[in-house]
C-alpha cells in the first residue's frame, strides 16, 4: 500500500486535544501515512497553554505554524495534489463558521476552502457539534462546562451539506475517516 500524504490542521480549540494527538500518533504508527501538522496562530497558543506544543513537534516530523492566510503554502499544496486530504481537529466554532460561510482569512480556513475548490476532501472535527451543554478538560485537569449555541450547531449542519466536507464526530472517528480518505472516499 502506498504512503498517503495528509495535512492535519490544529485550530485554537483545546477540547479533546490530547485524545486527538493520541489518535493521530496511532494512525501514523498503524497506517502508511505521511502526516504534516499545520497549526494556526491561535492553535499555537492553545498548544502552549496545554503544554503540548513541543510534544507534538517532537512526535510529528513535519510541523508548521501559520504566518498568514497563505503561508506556509498549504492551500497550494492541497490544490496541486500534494496532500490527499485535510483534517481539522479540533476545529473551533469560529473556523467552522468561517468555512460554512466561505470566509478564508486564516491559514486553515483558506486552505479548507481552496481544497474544496480542487475536489480535495476536508475532514472537520467541530468542538461544538450540537446545541446544549458540554464538558471540556482544562490543562489543569479541571472540567469546564460550556454552552454550545444553536448558531454553532447550525454552522455544523451547514458544513454537513457542503460537497467534500466530512464531519468527524470525535477522536474515535479520526482513524475510520482517514482510512476512508486513503481509499479515496
Foldseek 3Di string as FASTA:
>chain_A
DAAAEEEEEEELDDFCVVLLLVLVLVLVVPGRYQYAYEYEPNRVVNCVQLPCPVVSCVSHVHYYYWPWQCPPPLLVCLLVVVHQAYEYPADELVLLQCLLVVNRGTNVSVSCSSNVVSLRAYEYEYPQQAFDWDWGAGSVRDIDIDTRDRVSNVSVVSQVPRPRYHYQPHSVRVNVVVVVSVVPD
